[in-house]
PDB file of N, CA and C in Angstrom:
ATOM      1  N   MET A   1      51.083  57.504  23.374  1.00  0.00           N
ATOM      2  CA  MET A   1      50.761  58.855  23.524  1.00  0.00           C
ATOM      3  C   MET A   1      49.973  59.063  24.848  1.00  0.00           C
ATOM      4  N   TRP A   2      50.376  60.121  25.597  1.00  0.00           N
ATOM      5  CA  TRP A   2      49.649  60.345  26.843  1.00  0.00           C
ATOM      6  C   TRP A   2      48.622  61.409  26.619  1.00  0.00           C
ATOM      7  N   GLU A   3      47.477  61.161  27.167  1.00  0.00           N
ATOM      8  CA  GLU A   3      46.408  62.182  27.162  1.00  0.00           C
ATOM      9  C   GLU A   3      46.530  63.000  28.449  1.00  0.00           C
ATOM     10  N   ILE A   4      46.514  64.249  28.375  1.00  0.00           N
ATOM     11  CA  ILE A   4      46.696  65.136  29.548  1.00  0.00           C
ATOM     12  C   ILE A   4      45.328  65.782  29.788  1.00  0.00           C
ATOM     13  N   CYS A   5      44.779  65.595  30.981  1.00  0.00           N
ATOM     14  CA  CYS A   5      43.533  66.207  31.353  1.00  0.00           C
ATOM     15  C   CYS A   5      43.766  67.145  32.536  1.00  0.00           C
ATOM     16  N   ARG A   6      42.805  67.999  32.814  1.00  0.00           N
ATOM     17  CA  ARG A   6      42.923  68.868  34.026  1.00  0.00           C
ATOM     18  C   ARG A   6      43.125  67.966  35.209  1.00  0.00           C
ATOM     19  N   LYS A   7      43.969  68.444  36.110  1.00  0.00           N
ATOM     20  CA  LYS A   7      44.280  67.644  37.307  1.00  0.00           C
ATOM     21  C   LYS A   7      43.082  67.402  38.126  1.00  0.00           C
ATOM     22  N   ASP A   8      42.116  68.395  38.204  1.00  0.00           N
ATOM     23  CA  ASP A   8      40.966  68.205  39.101  1.00  0.00           C
ATOM     24  C   ASP A   8      40.096  67.063  38.627  1.00  0.00           C
ATOM     25  N   PHE A   9      40.179  66.739  37.302  1.00  0.00           N
ATOM     26  CA  PHE A   9      39.368  65.643  36.838  1.00  0.00           C
ATOM     27  C   PHE A   9      39.694  64.352  37.532  1.00  0.00           C
ATOM     28  N   TYR A  10      40.982  64.124  37.674  1.00  0.00           N
ATOM     29  CA  TYR A  10      41.409  62.840  38.365  1.00  0.00           C
ATOM     30  C   TYR A  10      40.996  62.771  39.792  1.00  0.00           C
ATOM     31  N   PHE A  11      41.008  63.891  40.425  1.00  0.00           N
ATOM     32  CA  PHE A  11      40.718  63.843  41.866  1.00  0.00           C
ATOM     33  C   PHE A  11      39.220  63.846  42.153  1.00  0.00           C
ATOM     34  N   ARG A  12      38.392  64.255  41.125  1.00  0.00           N
ATOM     35  CA  ARG A  12      36.939  64.187  41.294  1.00  0.00           C
ATOM     36  C   ARG A  12      36.385  62.826  41.013  1.00  0.00           C
ATOM     37  N   LEU A  13      37.138  61.915  40.511  1.00  0.00           N
ATOM     38  CA  LEU A  13      36.687  60.542  40.100  1.00  0.00           C
ATOM     39  C   LEU A  13      36.416  59.879  41.390  1.00  0.00           C
ATOM     40  N   SER A  14      35.155  59.696  41.772  1.00  0.00           N
ATOM     41  CA  SER A  14      34.866  59.112  43.044  1.00  0.00           C
ATOM     42  C   SER A  14      34.956  57.591  43.024  1.00  0.00           C
ATOM     43  N   PRO A  15      35.099  56.919  44.191  1.00  0.00           N
ATOM     44  CA  PRO A  15      35.196  55.507  44.195  1.00  0.00           C
ATOM     45  C   PRO A  15      34.028  54.821  43.533  1.00  0.00           C
ATOM     46  N   ARG A  16      32.795  55.389  43.645  1.00  0.00           N
ATOM     47  CA  ARG A  16      31.621  54.827  42.993  1.00  0.00           C
ATOM     48  C   ARG A  16      31.774  54.895  41.463  1.00  0.00           C
ATOM     49  N   GLU A  17      32.251  56.055  41.013  1.00  0.00           N
ATOM     50  CA  GLU A  17      32.487  56.131  39.542  1.00  0.00           C
ATOM     51  C   GLU A  17      33.571  55.245  39.048  1.00  0.00           C
ATOM     52  N   GLU A  18      34.576  54.961  39.851  1.00  0.00           N
ATOM     53  CA  GLU A  18      35.619  54.011  39.466  1.00  0.00           C
ATOM     54  C   GLU A  18      34.969  52.617  39.385  1.00  0.00           C
ATOM     55  N   ASP A  19      34.151  52.262  40.361  1.00  0.00           N
ATOM     56  CA  ASP A  19      33.461  50.926  40.326  1.00  0.00           C
ATOM     57  C   ASP A  19      32.680  50.825  39.065  1.00  0.00           C
ATOM     58  N   ILE A  20      31.878  51.878  38.763  1.00  0.00           N
ATOM     59  CA  ILE A  20      31.028  51.820  37.569  1.00  0.00           C
ATOM     60  C   ILE A  20      31.895  51.603  36.328  1.00  0.00           C
ATOM     61  N   LEU A  21      32.977  52.464  36.166  1.00  0.00           N
ATOM     62  CA  LEU A  21      33.815  52.327  35.020  1.00  0.00           C
ATOM     63  C   LEU A  21      34.462  50.899  34.920  1.00  0.00           C
ATOM     64  N   GLY A  22      34.795  50.322  36.094  1.00  0.00           N
ATOM     65  CA  GLY A  22      35.431  49.005  36.008  1.00  0.00           C
ATOM     66  C   GLY A  22      34.447  47.926  35.608  1.00  0.00           C
ATOM     67  N   GLN A  23      33.187  48.180  35.725  1.00  0.00           N
ATOM     68  CA  GLN A  23      32.176  47.212  35.425  1.00  0.00           C
ATOM     69  C   GLN A  23      31.784  47.235  33.921  1.00  0.00           C
ATOM     70  N   LEU A  24      32.050  48.343  33.228  1.00  0.00           N
ATOM     71  CA  LEU A  24      31.627  48.506  31.860  1.00  0.00           C
ATOM     72  C   LEU A  24      32.514  47.704  30.913  1.00  0.00           C
ATOM     73  N   GLN A  25      31.840  46.767  30.214  1.00  0.00           N
ATOM     74  CA  GLN A  25      32.562  45.993  29.231  1.00  0.00           C
ATOM     75  C   GLN A  25      31.804  45.960  27.922  1.00  0.00           C
ATOM     76  N   HIS A  26      32.172  46.827  27.060  1.00  0.00           N
ATOM     77  CA  HIS A  26      31.554  47.040  25.795  1.00  0.00           C
ATOM     78  C   HIS A  26      32.539  47.389  24.720  1.00  0.00           C
ATOM     79  N   GLU A  27      32.411  46.904  23.531  1.00  0.00           N
ATOM     80  CA  GLU A  27      33.426  47.160  22.557  1.00  0.00           C
ATOM     81  C   GLU A  27      33.607  48.595  22.096  1.00  0.00           C
ATOM     82  N   ASN A  28      32.578  49.459  22.460  1.00  0.00           N
ATOM     83  CA  ASN A  28      32.732  50.847  22.146  1.00  0.00           C
ATOM     84  C   ASN A  28      32.936  51.772  23.284  1.00  0.00           C
ATOM     85  N   ILE A  29      33.378  51.179  24.393  1.00  0.00           N
ATOM     86  CA  ILE A  29      33.705  51.940  25.659  1.00  0.00           C
ATOM     87  C   ILE A  29      35.125  51.515  26.079  1.00  0.00           C
ATOM     88  N   VAL A  30      35.924  52.577  26.295  1.00  0.00           N
ATOM     89  CA  VAL A  30      37.322  52.276  26.692  1.00  0.00           C
ATOM     90  C   VAL A  30      37.339  51.658  28.060  1.00  0.00           C
ATOM     91  N   MET A  31      38.108  50.646  28.245  1.00  0.00           N
ATOM     92  CA  MET A  31      38.203  49.866  29.513  1.00  0.00           C
ATOM     93  C   MET A  31      38.955  50.670  30.546  1.00  0.00           C
ATOM     94  N   PHE A  32      38.450  50.712  31.743  1.00  0.00           N
ATOM     95  CA  PHE A  32      39.143  51.286  32.874  1.00  0.00           C
ATOM     96  C   PHE A  32      39.603  50.165  33.793  1.00  0.00           C
ATOM     97  N   TYR A  33      40.948  50.096  34.009  1.00  0.00           N
ATOM     98  CA  TYR A  33      41.468  48.992  34.809  1.00  0.00           C
ATOM     99  C   TYR A  33      41.764  49.404  36.218  1.00  0.00           C
ATOM    100  N   GLY A  34      41.944  50.646  36.519  1.00  0.00           N
ATOM    101  CA  GLY A  34      42.242  51.044  37.869  1.00  0.00           C
ATOM    102  C   GLY A  34      42.943  52.385  38.018  1.00  0.00           C
ATOM    103  N   ARG A  35      43.233  52.757  39.214  1.00  0.00           N
ATOM    104  CA  ARG A  35      43.861  53.989  39.496  1.00  0.00           C
ATOM    105  C   ARG A  35      44.977  53.801  40.550  1.00  0.00           C
ATOM    106  N   ILE A  36      46.073  54.517  40.369  1.00  0.00           N
ATOM    107  CA  ILE A  36      47.143  54.492  41.288  1.00  0.00           C
ATOM    108  C   ILE A  36      47.413  55.929  41.711  1.00  0.00           C
ATOM    109  N   ASP A  37      47.365  56.120  43.030  1.00  0.00           N
ATOM    110  CA  ASP A  37      47.606  57.409  43.678  1.00  0.00           C
ATOM    111  C   ASP A  37      49.019  57.424  44.246  1.00  0.00           C
ATOM    112  N   LYS A  38      49.766  58.448  43.857  1.00  0.00           N
ATOM    113  CA  LYS A  38      51.068  58.726  44.488  1.00  0.00           C
ATOM    114  C   LYS A  38      50.843  59.755  45.600  1.00  0.00           C
ATOM    115  N   PRO A  39      51.106  59.373  46.857  1.00  0.00           N
ATOM    116  CA  PRO A  39      50.836  60.342  47.965  1.00  0.00           C
ATOM    117  C   PRO A  39      51.523  61.614  47.770  1.00  0.00           C
ATOM    118  N   GLY A  40      50.937  62.650  48.334  1.00  0.00           N
ATOM    119  CA  GLY A  40      51.533  63.951  48.306  1.00  0.00           C
ATOM    120  C   GLY A  40      50.458  65.018  48.655  1.00  0.00           C
ATOM    121  N   ASP A  41      50.836  66.261  48.836  1.00  0.00           N
ATOM    122  CA  ASP A  41      49.809  67.182  49.101  1.00  0.00           C
ATOM    123  C   ASP A  41      48.986  67.453  47.835  1.00  0.00           C
ATOM    124  N   LYS A  42      47.934  68.206  47.919  1.00  0.00           N
ATOM    125  CA  LYS A  42      46.976  68.339  46.812  1.00  0.00           C
ATOM    126  C   LYS A  42      47.627  68.946  45.528  1.00  0.00           C
ATOM    127  N   LYS A  43      48.621  69.845  45.745  1.00  0.00           N
ATOM    128  CA  LYS A  43      49.265  70.482  44.597  1.00  0.00           C
ATOM    129  C   LYS A  43      50.281  69.538  43.875  1.00  0.00           C
ATOM    130  N   ASN A  44      50.884  68.636  44.681  1.00  0.00           N
ATOM    131  CA  ASN A  44      51.977  67.788  44.100  1.00  0.00           C
ATOM    132  C   ASN A  44      51.554  66.316  43.964  1.00  0.00           C
ATOM    133  N   ARG A  45      50.269  66.004  44.225  1.00  0.00           N
ATOM    134  CA  ARG A  45      49.831  64.669  44.158  1.00  0.00           C
ATOM    135  C   ARG A  45      49.761  64.207  42.704  1.00  0.00           C
ATOM    136  N   THR A  46      50.111  62.983  42.481  1.00  0.00           N
ATOM    137  CA  THR A  46      50.061  62.392  41.125  1.00  0.00           C
ATOM    138  C   THR A  46      49.064  61.222  41.092  1.00  0.00           C
ATOM    139  N   VAL A  47      48.294  61.114  40.048  1.00  0.00           N
ATOM    140  CA  VAL A  47      47.364  60.027  39.863  1.00  0.00           C
ATOM    141  C   VAL A  47      47.546  59.465  38.515  1.00  0.00           C
ATOM    142  N   TRP A  48      47.625  58.122  38.451  1.00  0.00           N
ATOM    143  CA  TRP A  48      47.672  57.425  37.140  1.00  0.00           C
ATOM    144  C   TRP A  48      46.403  56.659  36.957  1.00  0.00           C
ATOM    145  N   LEU A  49      45.805  56.770  35.823  1.00  0.00           N
ATOM    146  CA  LEU A  49      44.612  55.974  35.428  1.00  0.00           C
ATOM    147  C   LEU A  49      45.040  54.922  34.465  1.00  0.00           C
ATOM    148  N   ALA A  50      44.807  53.678  34.792  1.00  0.00           N
ATOM    149  CA  ALA A  50      45.141  52.558  33.818  1.00  0.00           C
ATOM    150  C   ALA A  50      43.873  52.323  32.992  1.00  0.00           C
ATOM    151  N   MET A  51      44.037  52.595  31.642  1.00  0.00           N
ATOM    152  CA  MET A  51      42.906  52.389  30.788  1.00  0.00           C
ATOM    153  C   MET A  51      43.386  51.720  29.522  1.00  0.00           C
ATOM    154  N   GLU A  52      42.416  51.197  28.740  1.00  0.00           N
ATOM    155  CA  GLU A  52      42.684  50.509  27.522  1.00  0.00           C
ATOM    156  C   GLU A  52      43.457  51.471  26.512  1.00  0.00           C
ATOM    157  N   LEU A  53      44.408  50.968  25.833  1.00  0.00           N
ATOM    158  CA  LEU A  53      45.146  51.841  24.816  1.00  0.00           C
ATOM    159  C   LEU A  53      44.281  52.069  23.634  1.00  0.00           C
ATOM    160  N   CYS A  54      44.148  53.286  23.223  1.00  0.00           N
ATOM    161  CA  CYS A  54      43.376  53.633  22.017  1.00  0.00           C
ATOM    162  C   CYS A  54      44.356  54.418  21.156  1.00  0.00           C
ATOM    163  N   HIS A  55      44.357  54.113  19.875  1.00  0.00           N
ATOM    164  CA  HIS A  55      45.333  54.754  18.979  1.00  0.00           C
ATOM    165  C   HIS A  55      44.820  56.070  18.446  1.00  0.00           C
ATOM    166  N   TRP A  56      43.566  56.415  18.646  1.00  0.00           N
ATOM    167  CA  TRP A  56      42.987  57.693  18.299  1.00  0.00           C
ATOM    168  C   TRP A  56      41.768  57.927  19.175  1.00  0.00           C
ATOM    169  N   SER A  57      41.327  59.178  19.198  1.00  0.00           N
ATOM    170  CA  SER A  57      40.169  59.552  20.014  1.00  0.00           C
ATOM    171  C   SER A  57      39.112  60.227  19.091  1.00  0.00           C
ATOM    172  N   LEU A  58      37.922  60.353  19.550  1.00  0.00           N
ATOM    173  CA  LEU A  58      36.920  61.026  18.813  1.00  0.00           C
ATOM    174  C   LEU A  58      37.349  62.472  18.657  1.00  0.00           C
ATOM    175  N   GLY A  59      37.998  63.039  19.643  1.00  0.00           N
ATOM    176  CA  GLY A  59      38.541  64.397  19.480  1.00  0.00           C
ATOM    177  C   GLY A  59      39.527  64.532  18.326  1.00  0.00           C
ATOM    178  N   ASP A  60      40.352  63.477  18.182  1.00  0.00           N
ATOM    179  CA  ASP A  60      41.320  63.501  17.033  1.00  0.00           C
ATOM    180  C   ASP A  60      40.585  63.582  15.676  1.00  0.00           C
ATOM    181  N   LEU A  61      39.496  62.764  15.560  1.00  0.00           N
ATOM    182  CA  LEU A  61      38.749  62.732  14.304  1.00  0.00           C
ATOM    183  C   LEU A  61      38.072  64.048  14.041  1.00  0.00           C
ATOM    184  N   ILE A  62      37.532  64.638  15.107  1.00  0.00           N
ATOM    185  CA  ILE A  62      36.777  65.944  14.974  1.00  0.00           C
ATOM    186  C   ILE A  62      37.830  67.024  14.492  1.00  0.00           C
ATOM    187  N   LYS A  63      38.994  67.013  15.011  1.00  0.00           N
ATOM    188  CA  LYS A  63      40.043  67.992  14.603  1.00  0.00           C
ATOM    189  C   LYS A  63      40.392  67.815  13.131  1.00  0.00           C
ATOM    190  N   ARG A  64      40.273  66.589  12.589  1.00  0.00           N
ATOM    191  CA  ARG A  64      40.602  66.299  11.237  1.00  0.00           C
ATOM    192  C   ARG A  64      39.282  66.195  10.425  1.00  0.00           C
ATOM    193  N   LYS A  65      38.234  66.910  10.774  1.00  0.00           N
ATOM    194  CA  LYS A  65      36.937  66.727  10.170  1.00  0.00           C
ATOM    195  C   LYS A  65      36.931  66.810   8.665  1.00  0.00           C
ATOM    196  N   ARG A  66      37.854  67.442   8.087  1.00  0.00           N
ATOM    197  CA  ARG A  66      37.917  67.528   6.642  1.00  0.00           C
ATOM    198  C   ARG A  66      38.094  66.117   6.028  1.00  0.00           C
ATOM    199  N   ASP A  67      38.661  65.192   6.820  1.00  0.00           N
ATOM    200  CA  ASP A  67      38.876  63.821   6.297  1.00  0.00           C
ATOM    201  C   ASP A  67      37.664  62.931   6.425  1.00  0.00           C
ATOM    202  N   LEU A  68      36.675  63.381   7.212  1.00  0.00           N
ATOM    203  CA  LEU A  68      35.485  62.550   7.491  1.00  0.00           C
ATOM    204  C   LEU A  68      34.540  62.467   6.342  1.00  0.00           C
ATOM    205  N   LYS A  69      34.063  61.407   6.024  1.00  0.00           N
ATOM    206  CA  LYS A  69      33.023  61.184   4.973  1.00  0.00           C
ATOM    207  C   LYS A  69      31.731  60.782   5.624  1.00  0.00           C
ATOM    208  N   TRP A  70      30.655  60.801   4.944  1.00  0.00           N
ATOM    209  CA  TRP A  70      29.317  60.490   5.442  1.00  0.00           C
ATOM    210  C   TRP A  70      29.306  59.042   6.016  1.00  0.00           C
ATOM    211  N   ILE A  71      29.832  58.034   5.395  1.00  0.00           N
ATOM    212  CA  ILE A  71      29.718  56.711   5.932  1.00  0.00           C
ATOM    213  C   ILE A  71      30.478  56.520   7.242  1.00  0.00           C
ATOM    214  N   PRO A  72      31.727  56.972   7.373  1.00  0.00           N
ATOM    215  CA  PRO A  72      32.418  56.892   8.712  1.00  0.00           C
ATOM    216  C   PRO A  72      31.663  57.638   9.799  1.00  0.00           C
ATOM    217  N   VAL A  73      31.087  58.791   9.489  1.00  0.00           N
ATOM    218  CA  VAL A  73      30.396  59.570  10.472  1.00  0.00           C
ATOM    219  C   VAL A  73      29.225  58.852  10.955  1.00  0.00           C
ATOM    220  N   SER A  74      28.397  58.232  10.056  1.00  0.00           N
ATOM    221  CA  SER A  74      27.287  57.437  10.466  1.00  0.00           C
ATOM    222  C   SER A  74      27.679  56.193  11.232  1.00  0.00           C
ATOM    223  N   SER A  75      28.786  55.634  10.930  1.00  0.00           N
ATOM    224  CA  SER A  75      29.295  54.496  11.656  1.00  0.00           C
ATOM    225  C   SER A  75      29.690  54.879  13.056  1.00  0.00           C
ATOM    226  N   LEU A  76      30.390  56.025  13.171  1.00  0.00           N
ATOM    227  CA  LEU A  76      30.795  56.522  14.533  1.00  0.00           C
ATOM    228  C   LEU A  76      29.591  56.809  15.383  1.00  0.00           C
ATOM    229  N   THR A  77      28.580  57.462  14.712  1.00  0.00           N
ATOM    230  CA  THR A  77      27.364  57.853  15.482  1.00  0.00           C
ATOM    231  C   THR A  77      26.660  56.522  15.987  1.00  0.00           C
ATOM    232  N   ARG A  78      26.619  55.536  15.126  1.00  0.00           N
ATOM    233  CA  ARG A  78      25.935  54.257  15.523  1.00  0.00           C
ATOM    234  C   ARG A  78      26.743  53.646  16.689  1.00  0.00           C
ATOM    235  N   GLN A  79      28.063  53.661  16.689  1.00  0.00           N
ATOM    236  CA  GLN A  79      28.871  53.093  17.724  1.00  0.00           C
ATOM    237  C   GLN A  79      28.650  53.877  19.052  1.00  0.00           C
ATOM    238  N   ILE A  80      28.593  55.123  19.035  1.00  0.00           N
ATOM    239  CA  ILE A  80      28.295  55.997  20.198  1.00  0.00           C
ATOM    240  C   ILE A  80      26.908  55.557  20.732  1.00  0.00           C
ATOM    241  N   ALA A  81      25.948  55.535  19.838  1.00  0.00           N
ATOM    242  CA  ALA A  81      24.591  55.194  20.284  1.00  0.00           C
ATOM    243  C   ALA A  81      24.493  53.816  20.940  1.00  0.00           C
ATOM    244  N   GLN A  82      25.278  52.809  20.392  1.00  0.00           N
ATOM    245  CA  GLN A  82      25.260  51.504  20.987  1.00  0.00           C
ATOM    246  C   GLN A  82      25.886  51.531  22.377  1.00  0.00           C
ATOM    247  N   ALA A  83      26.989  52.293  22.541  1.00  0.00           N
ATOM    248  CA  ALA A  83      27.584  52.396  23.848  1.00  0.00           C
ATOM    249  C   ALA A  83      26.657  53.103  24.886  1.00  0.00           C
ATOM    250  N   LEU A  84      25.943  54.117  24.439  1.00  0.00           N
ATOM    251  CA  LEU A  84      25.035  54.794  25.344  1.00  0.00           C
ATOM    252  C   LEU A  84      23.843  53.932  25.660  1.00  0.00           C
ATOM    253  N   LYS A  85      23.354  53.156  24.704  1.00  0.00           N
ATOM    254  CA  LYS A  85      22.240  52.216  24.990  1.00  0.00           C
ATOM    255  C   LYS A  85      22.691  51.180  25.955  1.00  0.00           C
ATOM    256  N   TYR A  86      23.907  50.706  25.856  1.00  0.00           N
ATOM    257  CA  TYR A  86      24.472  49.687  26.829  1.00  0.00           C
ATOM    258  C   TYR A  86      24.481  50.320  28.206  1.00  0.00           C
ATOM    259  N   MET A  87      25.001  51.579  28.338  1.00  0.00           N
ATOM    260  CA  MET A  87      25.133  52.187  29.593  1.00  0.00           C
ATOM    261  C   MET A  87      23.769  52.509  30.185  1.00  0.00           C
ATOM    262  N   HIS A  88      22.870  52.979  29.401  1.00  0.00           N
ATOM    263  CA  HIS A  88      21.545  53.316  29.964  1.00  0.00           C
ATOM    264  C   HIS A  88      20.789  52.063  30.338  1.00  0.00           C
ATOM    265  N   GLY A  89      21.123  50.889  29.744  1.00  0.00           N
ATOM    266  CA  GLY A  89      20.520  49.607  30.116  1.00  0.00           C
ATOM    267  C   GLY A  89      21.012  49.167  31.455  1.00  0.00           C
ATOM    268  N   LYS A  90      22.142  49.692  31.869  1.00  0.00           N
ATOM    269  CA  LYS A  90      22.735  49.471  33.195  1.00  0.00           C
ATOM    270  C   LYS A  90      22.359  50.604  34.210  1.00  0.00           C
ATOM    271  N   LYS A  91      21.503  51.481  33.761  1.00  0.00           N
ATOM    272  CA  LYS A  91      21.033  52.613  34.559  1.00  0.00           C
ATOM    273  C   LYS A  91      22.203  53.558  34.898  1.00  0.00           C
ATOM    274  N   ILE A  92      23.077  53.727  33.941  1.00  0.00           N
ATOM    275  CA  ILE A  92      24.238  54.632  34.035  1.00  0.00           C
ATOM    276  C   ILE A  92      24.050  55.735  33.005  1.00  0.00           C
ATOM    277  N   ALA A  93      24.184  57.038  33.484  1.00  0.00           N
ATOM    278  CA  ALA A  93      24.119  58.152  32.553  1.00  0.00           C
ATOM    279  C   ALA A  93      25.511  58.690  32.314  1.00  0.00           C
ATOM    280  N   HIS A  94      25.804  58.997  31.071  1.00  0.00           N
ATOM    281  CA  HIS A  94      27.099  59.612  30.683  1.00  0.00           C
ATOM    282  C   HIS A  94      27.069  61.062  31.164  1.00  0.00           C
ATOM    283  N   ARG A  95      28.201  61.478  31.732  1.00  0.00           N
ATOM    284  CA  ARG A  95      28.304  62.876  32.166  1.00  0.00           C
ATOM    285  C   ARG A  95      29.362  63.607  31.393  1.00  0.00           C
TER     286      ARG A  95
END
């Protein structure tokens, strides 16, 4: 399944942010492997981001919130907190 984001998101990803993403290795953070730019003018430029395959996203779970129970929600919250603690330990803020 392909995730579609606003085009400007891809072009705003700075080289520094790409380096930071490439350094993050945590079980609760999606791995970023790299970026491939297809040349072209700004309107027709194509960018591919190579990232770890995830079978679902947090957004998917939120859309199906009627299926969420207290224990999975607390587990998800703990996993998010662990990922943020890891990032903050590396002096990285989530934006």
